[in-house]
Amino acid sequence: MVATIDLKPENALEGVNEFNRYFQQIAQYGFTPQEIDKVKKTMLGAFKRDLNDDKPVSGSGMINQMYQDFFYGNMIISLKDEYKLMEDCFAALDSIQILKAVKENSNTKNPFHYLLTTNNEDASRLPNKEALLEATKSLKYQEVVPYENDIDIPKKLLSTSPKSGTVTKIVELPKIDAHEIYLSNGG
């Protein structure tokens, strides 16, 4: 399992703690089926666009495939076959399986290996090493509640409805290939 976050040096401890909290929410409560379906659709769509693109496989892409074959025994296959495998595997993937995998990972001695990197300029603004290590350990004893979307959306967005207008003038702006549209209500 791989996760990446960018932290501001002045908020590094808060960022690590928040990352741990989100991971614990996922480990304890999982994802909704809608969230999983959205990610499946996005990943399959992106892969299908790559598949339909007539570009040849890059040299670095071939090297990555050979690396996977040599070190992990992942056979080199065509993109079409890989897409078909993704479709088949994604069809069988559900929230229960993902939650089970996340829980198995989170129950190991070290569910995460944190790799914190920075440039020399930001290094002086980071907390000391001990504080950062302590923040990474907070994962084990952090209590979390299920995620709630607590954004209040009012039924009526505007206090008064704007007066509708009609188009009074259209000015062509050829330099930027656009049109400036004037309305009777001043909009």
C-alpha atoms as a PDB file:
ATOM      1  CA  MET A   1       0.000   0.000   0.000  1.00  0.00           C
ATOM      2  CA  VAL A   2       1.434   3.374  -1.032  1.00  0.00           C
ATOM      3  CA  ALA A   3       0.236   6.819  -0.005  1.00  0.00           C
ATOM      4  CA  THR A   4       1.839  10.170  -0.716  1.00  0.00           C
ATOM      5  CA  ILE A   5       1.225  13.526   0.928  1.00  0.00           C
ATOM      6  CA  ASP A   6       2.877  16.923   0.692  1.00  0.00           C
ATOM      7  CA  LEU A   7       3.401  18.751   3.950  1.00  0.00           C
ATOM      8  CA  LYS A   8       4.283  22.329   4.710  1.00  0.00           C
ATOM      9  CA  PRO A   9       7.360  22.331   6.966  1.00  0.00           C
ATOM     10  CA  GLU A  10       5.686  24.520   9.573  1.00  0.00           C
ATOM     11  CA  ASN A  11       2.717  22.096   9.761  1.00  0.00           C
ATOM     12  CA  ALA A  12       4.572  18.783   9.432  1.00  0.00           C
ATOM     13  CA  LEU A  13       3.452  17.320  12.773  1.00  0.00           C
ATOM     14  CA  GLU A  14      -0.185  18.254  12.194  1.00  0.00           C
ATOM     15  CA  GLY A  15       0.032  16.824   8.671  1.00  0.00           C
ATOM     16  CA  VAL A  16       1.411  13.473   9.845  1.00  0.00           C
ATOM     17  CA  ASN A  17      -1.244  13.275  12.577  1.00  0.00           C
ATOM     18  CA  GLU A  18      -4.008  14.083  10.093  1.00  0.00           C
ATOM     19  CA  PHE A  19      -2.667  11.468   7.657  1.00  0.00           C
ATOM     20  CA  ASN A  20      -2.704   8.896  10.479  1.00  0.00           C
ATOM     21  CA  ARG A  21      -6.275   9.871  11.376  1.00  0.00           C
ATOM     22  CA  TYR A  22      -7.473   9.451   7.784  1.00  0.00           C
ATOM     23  CA  PHE A  23      -5.734   6.094   7.531  1.00  0.00           C
ATOM     24  CA  GLN A  24      -7.388   4.949  10.763  1.00  0.00           C
ATOM     25  CA  GLN A  25     -10.789   6.049   9.428  1.00  0.00           C
ATOM     26  CA  ILE A  26     -10.195   3.960   6.319  1.00  0.00           C
ATOM     27  CA  ALA A  27      -8.874   0.995   8.336  1.00  0.00           C
ATOM     28  CA  GLN A  28     -11.826   1.020  10.731  1.00  0.00           C
ATOM     29  CA  TYR A  29     -14.697   2.083   8.484  1.00  0.00           C
ATOM     30  CA  GLY A  30     -13.596   1.378   4.901  1.00  0.00           C
ATOM     31  CA  PHE A  31     -14.872   3.008   1.734  1.00  0.00           C
ATOM     32  CA  THR A  32     -18.392   3.293   0.390  1.00  0.00           C
ATOM     33  CA  PRO A  33     -19.262   1.280  -2.722  1.00  0.00           C
ATOM     34  CA  GLN A  34     -19.755   4.580  -4.574  1.00  0.00           C
ATOM     35  CA  GLU A  35     -16.202   5.691  -3.727  1.00  0.00           C
ATOM     36  CA  ILE A  36     -14.809   2.387  -4.974  1.00  0.00           C
ATOM     37  CA  ASP A  37     -16.862   2.494  -8.181  1.00  0.00           C
ATOM     38  CA  LYS A  38     -15.666   6.037  -8.874  1.00  0.00           C
ATOM     39  CA  VAL A  39     -11.999   5.036  -8.532  1.00  0.00           C
ATOM     40  CA  LYS A  40     -12.529   1.904 -10.651  1.00  0.00           C
ATOM     41  CA  LYS A  41     -14.158   3.974 -13.396  1.00  0.00           C
ATOM     42  CA  THR A  42     -11.406   6.614 -13.273  1.00  0.00           C
ATOM     43  CA  MET A  43      -8.582   4.074 -13.405  1.00  0.00           C
ATOM     44  CA  LEU A  44     -10.159   2.022 -16.193  1.00  0.00           C
ATOM     45  CA  GLY A  45     -10.931   5.177 -18.180  1.00  0.00           C
ATOM     46  CA  ALA A  46      -7.365   6.459 -17.894  1.00  0.00           C
ATOM     47  CA  PHE A  47      -5.956   3.078 -18.884  1.00  0.00           C
ATOM     48  CA  LYS A  48      -8.360   2.800 -21.823  1.00  0.00           C
ATOM     49  CA  ARG A  49      -7.284   6.238 -23.090  1.00  0.00           C
ATOM     50  CA  ASP A  50      -3.666   5.079 -22.945  1.00  0.00           C
ATOM     51  CA  LEU A  51      -4.653   1.890 -24.731  1.00  0.00           C
ATOM     52  CA  ASN A  52      -6.435   3.770 -27.528  1.00  0.00           C
ATOM     53  CA  ASP A  53      -3.513   6.160 -27.891  1.00  0.00           C
ATOM     54  CA  ASP A  54      -1.372   5.015 -30.806  1.00  0.00           C
ATOM     55  CA  LYS A  55       1.912   6.011 -29.195  1.00  0.00           C
ATOM     56  CA  PRO A  56       4.552   3.272 -28.953  1.00  0.00           C
ATOM     57  CA  VAL A  57       5.603   2.077 -25.499  1.00  0.00           C
ATOM     58  CA  SER A  58       8.355   4.331 -24.161  1.00  0.00           C
ATOM     59  CA  GLY A  59      11.799   3.049 -23.314  1.00  0.00           C
ATOM     60  CA  SER A  60      11.222   3.735 -19.627  1.00  0.00           C
ATOM     61  CA  GLY A  61       7.923   1.837 -19.830  1.00  0.00           C
ATOM     62  CA  MET A  62       9.720  -1.187 -21.263  1.00  0.00           C
ATOM     63  CA  ILE A  63      12.381  -0.971 -18.559  1.00  0.00           C
ATOM     64  CA  ASN A  64       9.652  -0.879 -15.885  1.00  0.00           C
ATOM     65  CA  GLN A  65       8.028  -3.973 -17.403  1.00  0.00           C
ATOM     66  CA  MET A  66      11.352  -5.829 -17.467  1.00  0.00           C
ATOM     67  CA  TYR A  67      12.003  -4.783 -13.865  1.00  0.00           C
ATOM     68  CA  GLN A  68       8.602  -6.124 -12.795  1.00  0.00           C
ATOM     69  CA  ASP A  69       9.242  -9.360 -14.707  1.00  0.00           C
ATOM     70  CA  PHE A  70      12.746  -9.887 -13.302  1.00  0.00           C
ATOM     71  CA  PHE A  71      12.171  -8.924  -9.659  1.00  0.00           C
ATOM     72  CA  TYR A  72       8.539  -9.893  -9.094  1.00  0.00           C
ATOM     73  CA  GLY A  73       7.823 -12.490 -11.764  1.00  0.00           C
ATOM     74  CA  ASN A  74       5.149 -10.300 -13.356  1.00  0.00           C
ATOM     75  CA  MET A  75       4.924 -11.514 -16.925  1.00  0.00           C
ATOM     76  CA  ILE A  76       5.185  -8.905 -19.688  1.00  0.00           C
ATOM     77  CA  ILE A  77       1.826  -8.740 -21.467  1.00  0.00           C
ATOM     78  CA  SER A  78       0.206  -6.480 -24.033  1.00  0.00           C
ATOM     79  CA  LEU A  79      -1.747  -3.408 -22.950  1.00  0.00           C
ATOM     80  CA  LYS A  80      -4.968  -4.983 -24.274  1.00  0.00           C
ATOM     81  CA  ASP A  81      -4.439  -8.059 -22.105  1.00  0.00           C
ATOM     82  CA  GLU A  82      -3.561  -5.881 -19.124  1.00  0.00           C
ATOM     83  CA  TYR A  83      -6.768  -3.864 -19.624  1.00  0.00           C
ATOM     84  CA  LYS A  84      -8.823  -7.076 -19.799  1.00  0.00           C
ATOM     85  CA  LEU A  85      -7.205  -8.304 -16.567  1.00  0.00           C
ATOM     86  CA  MET A  86      -7.973  -4.977 -14.898  1.00  0.00           C
ATOM     87  CA  GLU A  87     -11.621  -5.208 -15.948  1.00  0.00           C
ATOM     88  CA  ASP A  88     -11.898  -8.765 -14.631  1.00  0.00           C
ATOM     89  CA  CYS A  89     -10.176  -7.980 -11.325  1.00  0.00           C
ATOM     90  CA  PHE A  90     -12.060  -4.721 -10.794  1.00  0.00           C
ATOM     91  CA  ALA A  91     -15.392  -6.471 -11.381  1.00  0.00           C
ATOM     92  CA  ALA A  92     -14.670  -8.748  -8.399  1.00  0.00           C
ATOM     93  CA  LEU A  93     -13.396  -5.935  -6.155  1.00  0.00           C
ATOM     94  CA  ASP A  94     -15.743  -4.598  -3.485  1.00  0.00           C
ATOM     95  CA  SER A  95     -15.657  -2.616  -0.238  1.00  0.00           C
ATOM     96  CA  ILE A  96     -15.416  -5.757   1.921  1.00  0.00           C
ATOM     97  CA  GLN A  97     -12.274  -7.001   0.151  1.00  0.00           C
ATOM     98  CA  ILE A  98     -10.614  -3.591   0.327  1.00  0.00           C
ATOM     99  CA  LEU A  99     -11.452  -3.159   4.011  1.00  0.00           C
ATOM    100  CA  LYS A 100     -10.108  -6.661   4.736  1.00  0.00           C
ATOM    101  CA  ALA A 101      -6.811  -5.862   2.953  1.00  0.00           C
ATOM    102  CA  VAL A 102      -6.460  -2.521   4.750  1.00  0.00           C
ATOM    103  CA  LYS A 103      -7.181  -4.136   8.139  1.00  0.00           C
ATOM    104  CA  GLU A 104      -4.633  -6.895   7.483  1.00  0.00           C
ATOM    105  CA  ASN A 105      -2.046  -4.245   6.654  1.00  0.00           C
ATOM    106  CA  SER A 106      -2.918  -2.061   9.639  1.00  0.00           C
ATOM    107  CA  ASN A 107      -2.633  -5.019  12.033  1.00  0.00           C
ATOM    108  CA  THR A 108       0.988  -5.652  11.097  1.00  0.00           C
ATOM    109  CA  LYS A 109       3.759  -4.403  13.365  1.00  0.00           C
ATOM    110  CA  ASN A 110       4.596  -1.554  10.983  1.00  0.00           C
ATOM    111  CA  PRO A 111       1.645  -0.766   8.700  1.00  0.00           C
ATOM    112  CA  PHE A 112       3.553   2.165   7.239  1.00  0.00           C
ATOM    113  CA  HIS A 113       7.076   3.093   6.434  1.00  0.00           C
ATOM    114  CA  TYR A 114       7.260   6.854   6.442  1.00  0.00           C
ATOM    115  CA  LEU A 115       9.684   8.468   4.028  1.00  0.00           C
ATOM    116  CA  LEU A 116       9.982  12.138   4.873  1.00  0.00           C
ATOM    117  CA  THR A 117      12.090  14.145   2.438  1.00  0.00           C
ATOM    118  CA  THR A 118      12.814  17.830   2.100  1.00  0.00           C
ATOM    119  CA  ASN A 119      15.276  20.275   0.630  1.00  0.00           C
ATOM    120  CA  ASN A 120      17.956  22.032   2.677  1.00  0.00           C
ATOM    121  CA  GLU A 121      15.992  25.270   2.865  1.00  0.00           C
ATOM    122  CA  ASP A 122      12.920  23.654   4.446  1.00  0.00           C
ATOM    123  CA  ALA A 123      14.879  21.257   6.688  1.00  0.00           C
ATOM    124  CA  SER A 124      15.575  24.002   9.220  1.00  0.00           C
ATOM    125  CA  ARG A 125      11.826  24.711   9.509  1.00  0.00           C
ATOM    126  CA  LEU A 126      10.918  21.096  10.342  1.00  0.00           C
ATOM    127  CA  PRO A 127      10.418  19.863  13.902  1.00  0.00           C
ATOM    128  CA  ASN A 128      13.234  17.785  15.383  1.00  0.00           C
ATOM    129  CA  LYS A 129      13.639  14.123  14.445  1.00  0.00           C
ATOM    130  CA  GLU A 130      12.224  12.810  17.743  1.00  0.00           C
ATOM    131  CA  ALA A 131       9.019  14.842  17.380  1.00  0.00           C
ATOM    132  CA  LEU A 132       8.513  13.574  13.821  1.00  0.00           C
ATOM    133  CA  LEU A 133       9.085   9.953  14.896  1.00  0.00           C
ATOM    134  CA  GLU A 134       6.626  10.364  17.756  1.00  0.00           C
ATOM    135  CA  ALA A 135       4.027  11.752  15.326  1.00  0.00           C
ATOM    136  CA  THR A 136       4.392   8.671  13.107  1.00  0.00           C
ATOM    137  CA  LYS A 137       3.819   6.428  16.141  1.00  0.00           C
ATOM    138  CA  SER A 138       0.543   8.194  16.965  1.00  0.00           C
ATOM    139  CA  LEU A 139      -1.141   5.941  14.389  1.00  0.00           C
ATOM    140  CA  LYS A 140      -1.363   3.080  16.891  1.00  0.00           C
ATOM    141  CA  TYR A 141      -3.238   4.933  19.633  1.00  0.00           C
ATOM    142  CA  GLN A 142      -5.251   7.481  17.699  1.00  0.00           C
ATOM    143  CA  GLU A 143      -9.026   7.196  18.087  1.00  0.00           C
ATOM    144  CA  VAL A 144     -11.200   8.202  15.171  1.00  0.00           C
ATOM    145  CA  VAL A 145     -14.865   8.618  14.387  1.00  0.00           C
ATOM    146  CA  PRO A 146     -16.511   7.733  11.069  1.00  0.00           C
ATOM    147  CA  TYR A 147     -16.181  10.363   8.369  1.00  0.00           C
ATOM    148  CA  GLU A 148     -19.111  12.738   8.183  1.00  0.00           C
ATOM    149  CA  ASN A 149     -19.819  15.269   5.503  1.00  0.00           C
ATOM    150  CA  ASP A 150     -20.830  18.078   7.825  1.00  0.00           C
ATOM    151  CA  ILE A 151     -21.069  20.826   5.231  1.00  0.00           C
ATOM    152  CA  ASP A 152     -24.378  22.623   5.601  1.00  0.00           C
ATOM    153  CA  ILE A 153     -25.803  23.539   2.204  1.00  0.00           C
ATOM    154  CA  PRO A 154     -28.706  25.982   2.451  1.00  0.00           C
ATOM    155  CA  LYS A 155     -31.844  25.288   0.441  1.00  0.00           C
ATOM    156  CA  LYS A 156     -31.823  28.820  -0.937  1.00  0.00           C
ATOM    157  CA  LEU A 157     -28.369  29.945  -2.047  1.00  0.00           C
ATOM    158  CA  LEU A 158     -29.175  33.615  -2.736  1.00  0.00           C
ATOM    159  CA  SER A 159     -31.230  35.886  -0.497  1.00  0.00           C
ATOM    160  CA  THR A 160     -32.766  37.557  -3.562  1.00  0.00           C
ATOM    161  CA  SER A 161     -33.028  36.196  -7.063  1.00  0.00           C
ATOM    162  CA  PRO A 162     -31.235  38.309  -9.661  1.00  0.00           C
ATOM    163  CA  LYS A 163     -33.290  40.052 -12.334  1.00  0.00           C
ATOM    164  CA  SER A 164     -32.951  38.125 -15.567  1.00  0.00           C
ATOM    165  CA  GLY A 165     -31.500  39.980 -18.511  1.00  0.00           C
ATOM    166  CA  THR A 166     -31.280  39.747 -22.256  1.00  0.00           C
ATOM    167  CA  VAL A 167     -28.241  40.018 -24.495  1.00  0.00           C
ATOM    168  CA  THR A 168     -27.845  43.624 -25.650  1.00  0.00           C
ATOM    169  CA  LYS A 169     -24.489  43.497 -27.391  1.00  0.00           C
ATOM    170  CA  ILE A 170     -21.821  40.958 -28.385  1.00  0.00           C
ATOM    171  CA  VAL A 171     -18.295  42.184 -29.057  1.00  0.00           C
ATOM    172  CA  GLU A 172     -15.862  39.836 -30.796  1.00  0.00           C
ATOM    173  CA  LEU A 173     -12.355  39.629 -29.308  1.00  0.00           C
ATOM    174  CA  PRO A 174     -10.293  38.017 -32.109  1.00  0.00           C
ATOM    175  CA  LYS A 175      -6.954  38.290 -30.274  1.00  0.00           C
ATOM    176  CA  ILE A 176      -8.089  35.766 -27.691  1.00  0.00           C
ATOM    177  CA  ASP A 177     -10.715  33.995 -29.826  1.00  0.00           C
ATOM    178  CA  ALA A 178     -13.576  34.974 -27.513  1.00  0.00           C
ATOM    179  CA  HIS A 179     -16.701  37.117 -27.256  1.00  0.00           C
ATOM    180  CA  GLU A 180     -17.621  39.769 -24.696  1.00  0.00           C
ATOM    181  CA  ILE A 181     -21.349  39.592 -23.987  1.00  0.00           C
ATOM    182  CA  TYR A 182     -23.300  42.513 -22.474  1.00  0.00           C
ATOM    183  CA  LEU A 183     -26.634  41.905 -20.727  1.00  0.00           C
ATOM    184  CA  SER A 184     -29.523  44.308 -20.105  1.00  0.00           C
ATOM    185  CA  ASN A 185     -29.321  43.694 -16.347  1.00  0.00           C
ATOM    186  CA  GLY A 186     -25.685  44.833 -16.167  1.00  0.00           C
ATOM    187  CA  GLY A 187     -24.226  41.330 -15.993  1.00  0.00           C
END
